[in-house]
Each structure stands twice: as C-alpha cells, then as structure tokens.
Amino acid sequence: MGYSHENSKGVTYHLNSKNVVLRGGKEQRIFYFSKDVRPEACDLPEGYNVKENPRNGFLTVSRKK
C-alpha cells in the first residue's frame, strides 16, 4: 500500500517515488505526494520525515537532521 498522510485540511496524500536522470547523467530518487494511490507508492524511508507547509497544506519529504 505505501505511506499515507492526512494534512491539516483533512486531505489524504500518498507517498510515491521514482528514479530520474539529472542533466549530468546522475540518477536520483525523488519523492512526491499524490491524492490517488499509484503503482509508484512507497513507504517512508528510514531517516526521513514529512513536513507540511502551514499556508497551503502541501507536504514535502526531507531528511532528519
């Protein structure tokens, strides 16, 4: 199923990830949230946390400090 998070506005988002190739040819894994469940659904990786923008409710994934 994957990781899901409900923001302060009551909307549930599901965490997804995929590998992208950057301009220099380096491959990097990115995380993003969607309202629907997608095949790219993943669990929240160890050492990461979810932050919410208080103004608009957007969710982001960042590394723990």
N, C-alpha and C. Protein backbone atom coordinates (compact mmCIF):
# COMPACT_ATOMS: atom_id res chain seq x y z
N MET A 1 0.84 -1.20 0.00
CA MET A 1 0.00 0.00 0.00
C MET A 1 0.87 1.25 0.00
N GLY A 2 1.80 1.39 0.93
CA GLY A 2 2.65 2.57 0.97
C GLY A 2 2.25 3.51 2.10
N TYR A 3 3.00 4.59 2.22
CA TYR A 3 2.80 5.57 3.28
C TYR A 3 1.74 6.58 2.86
N SER A 4 0.84 6.90 3.77
CA SER A 4 -0.16 7.94 3.52
C SER A 4 -0.16 8.90 4.71
N HIS A 5 -0.54 10.16 4.44
CA HIS A 5 -0.51 11.20 5.46
C HIS A 5 -1.71 12.12 5.23
N GLU A 6 -2.39 12.46 6.31
CA GLU A 6 -3.51 13.40 6.22
C GLU A 6 -3.02 14.76 6.68
N ASN A 7 -3.20 15.78 5.83
CA ASN A 7 -2.73 17.11 6.19
C ASN A 7 -3.75 17.81 7.09
N SER A 8 -3.45 19.04 7.47
CA SER A 8 -4.30 19.76 8.41
C SER A 8 -5.67 20.12 7.82
N LYS A 9 -5.79 20.07 6.50
CA LYS A 9 -7.06 20.37 5.85
C LYS A 9 -7.93 19.13 5.68
N GLY A 10 -7.42 17.97 6.12
CA GLY A 10 -8.19 16.74 6.07
C GLY A 10 -8.06 15.97 4.77
N VAL A 11 -7.12 16.33 3.91
CA VAL A 11 -6.91 15.65 2.64
C VAL A 11 -5.82 14.60 2.82
N THR A 12 -6.08 13.37 2.36
CA THR A 12 -5.11 12.29 2.48
C THR A 12 -4.25 12.22 1.23
N TYR A 13 -2.93 12.18 1.42
CA TYR A 13 -1.97 12.09 0.33
C TYR A 13 -1.15 10.81 0.49
N HIS A 14 -0.73 10.24 -0.64
CA HIS A 14 0.04 9.01 -0.67
C HIS A 14 1.43 9.30 -1.21
N LEU A 15 2.45 8.72 -0.56
CA LEU A 15 3.84 8.96 -0.94
C LEU A 15 4.23 8.05 -2.09
N ASN A 16 4.87 8.64 -3.11
CA ASN A 16 5.36 7.93 -4.28
C ASN A 16 6.83 8.25 -4.48
N SER A 17 7.52 7.40 -5.22
CA SER A 17 8.92 7.68 -5.54
C SER A 17 9.22 7.14 -6.92
N LYS A 18 10.23 7.75 -7.55
CA LYS A 18 10.72 7.24 -8.83
C LYS A 18 12.15 7.74 -9.03
N ASN A 19 12.88 7.04 -9.87
CA ASN A 19 14.25 7.42 -10.20
C ASN A 19 14.22 8.28 -11.45
N VAL A 20 14.93 9.40 -11.41
CA VAL A 20 15.03 10.30 -12.55
C VAL A 20 16.50 10.49 -12.90
N VAL A 21 16.77 10.83 -14.14
CA VAL A 21 18.14 11.08 -14.58
C VAL A 21 18.31 12.59 -14.69
N LEU A 22 19.31 13.12 -13.98
CA LEU A 22 19.59 14.55 -13.99
C LEU A 22 20.38 14.91 -15.25
N ARG A 23 20.56 16.20 -15.50
CA ARG A 23 21.25 16.66 -16.71
C ARG A 23 22.65 16.08 -16.86
N GLY A 24 23.37 15.96 -15.78
CA GLY A 24 24.73 15.44 -15.84
C GLY A 24 24.81 13.93 -15.99
N GLY A 25 23.66 13.26 -16.06
CA GLY A 25 23.63 11.82 -16.22
C GLY A 25 23.49 11.06 -14.91
N LYS A 26 23.53 11.78 -13.78
CA LYS A 26 23.41 11.14 -12.48
C LYS A 26 21.95 10.74 -12.24
N GLU A 27 21.76 9.56 -11.66
CA GLU A 27 20.42 9.09 -11.34
C GLU A 27 20.11 9.42 -9.88
N GLN A 28 18.90 9.94 -9.64
CA GLN A 28 18.49 10.34 -8.29
C GLN A 28 17.07 9.89 -8.04
N ARG A 29 16.80 9.47 -6.82
CA ARG A 29 15.45 9.06 -6.44
C ARG A 29 14.72 10.27 -5.88
N ILE A 30 13.50 10.52 -6.38
CA ILE A 30 12.69 11.63 -5.88
C ILE A 30 11.43 11.08 -5.22
N PHE A 31 10.91 11.84 -4.27
CA PHE A 31 9.68 11.50 -3.57
C PHE A 31 8.65 12.60 -3.83
N TYR A 32 7.40 12.19 -4.01
CA TYR A 32 6.32 13.17 -4.23
C TYR A 32 5.02 12.58 -3.69
N PHE A 33 4.06 13.45 -3.41
CA PHE A 33 2.77 13.04 -2.88
C PHE A 33 1.69 13.19 -3.95
N SER A 34 0.70 12.29 -3.91
CA SER A 34 -0.45 12.36 -4.81
C SER A 34 -1.71 12.04 -4.01
N LYS A 35 -2.84 12.50 -4.50
CA LYS A 35 -4.10 12.24 -3.83
C LYS A 35 -4.60 10.83 -4.09
N ASP A 36 -4.19 10.22 -5.20
CA ASP A 36 -4.62 8.87 -5.54
C ASP A 36 -3.49 7.87 -5.30
N VAL A 37 -3.85 6.59 -5.18
CA VAL A 37 -2.86 5.54 -5.00
C VAL A 37 -2.31 5.18 -6.36
N ARG A 38 -0.98 5.18 -6.49
CA ARG A 38 -0.33 4.91 -7.77
C ARG A 38 0.57 3.69 -7.64
N PRO A 39 0.97 3.11 -8.77
CA PRO A 39 1.89 1.96 -8.71
C PRO A 39 3.25 2.31 -8.11
N GLU A 40 3.63 3.59 -8.11
CA GLU A 40 4.91 4.03 -7.57
C GLU A 40 4.86 4.22 -6.06
N ALA A 41 3.77 3.83 -5.41
CA ALA A 41 3.61 4.03 -3.97
C ALA A 41 4.76 3.38 -3.21
N CYS A 42 5.23 4.05 -2.15
CA CYS A 42 6.34 3.52 -1.36
C CYS A 42 6.14 3.89 0.10
N ASP A 43 6.93 3.25 0.94
CA ASP A 43 6.92 3.55 2.37
C ASP A 43 7.88 4.71 2.63
N LEU A 44 7.67 5.39 3.75
CA LEU A 44 8.56 6.48 4.15
C LEU A 44 9.91 5.89 4.52
N PRO A 45 11.00 6.29 3.84
CA PRO A 45 12.30 5.71 4.13
C PRO A 45 12.81 6.09 5.52
N GLU A 46 13.67 5.23 6.05
CA GLU A 46 14.29 5.48 7.35
C GLU A 46 15.14 6.74 7.27
N GLY A 47 15.03 7.60 8.27
CA GLY A 47 15.83 8.83 8.30
C GLY A 47 15.18 10.01 7.62
N TYR A 48 13.93 9.87 7.18
CA TYR A 48 13.20 10.96 6.53
C TYR A 48 11.97 11.31 7.36
N ASN A 49 11.49 12.55 7.24
CA ASN A 49 10.25 12.95 7.89
C ASN A 49 9.42 13.79 6.93
N VAL A 50 8.15 13.95 7.26
CA VAL A 50 7.21 14.69 6.42
C VAL A 50 6.96 16.04 7.05
N LYS A 51 7.05 17.10 6.25
CA LYS A 51 6.75 18.45 6.71
C LYS A 51 5.57 18.98 5.91
N GLU A 52 4.76 19.80 6.56
CA GLU A 52 3.61 20.41 5.90
C GLU A 52 3.77 21.92 5.88
N ASN A 53 3.51 22.51 4.73
CA ASN A 53 3.52 23.96 4.62
C ASN A 53 2.25 24.48 5.28
N PRO A 54 2.36 25.31 6.32
CA PRO A 54 1.16 25.75 7.04
C PRO A 54 0.24 26.65 6.22
N ARG A 55 0.76 27.30 5.19
CA ARG A 55 -0.06 28.21 4.39
C ARG A 55 -0.97 27.49 3.42
N ASN A 56 -0.47 26.41 2.78
CA ASN A 56 -1.28 25.77 1.75
C ASN A 56 -1.50 24.27 1.96
N GLY A 57 -0.87 23.68 2.97
CA GLY A 57 -1.09 22.26 3.27
C GLY A 57 -0.28 21.30 2.43
N PHE A 58 0.64 21.79 1.57
CA PHE A 58 1.47 20.91 0.74
C PHE A 58 2.44 20.13 1.63
N LEU A 59 2.66 18.89 1.27
CA LEU A 59 3.55 18.02 2.03
C LEU A 59 4.87 17.85 1.29
N THR A 60 5.97 17.80 2.05
CA THR A 60 7.29 17.54 1.49
C THR A 60 8.00 16.52 2.36
N VAL A 61 8.93 15.80 1.76
CA VAL A 61 9.75 14.82 2.46
C VAL A 61 11.14 15.40 2.58
N SER A 62 11.71 15.35 3.79
CA SER A 62 13.08 15.85 3.98
C SER A 62 13.81 14.91 4.93
N ARG A 63 15.14 14.98 4.88
CA ARG A 63 15.95 14.16 5.76
C ARG A 63 15.94 14.72 7.17
N LYS A 64 15.97 13.82 8.15
CA LYS A 64 16.06 14.26 9.54
C LYS A 64 17.44 14.81 9.80
N LYS A 65 17.52 15.83 10.62
CA LYS A 65 18.81 16.44 10.95
C LYS A 65 19.38 15.84 12.20
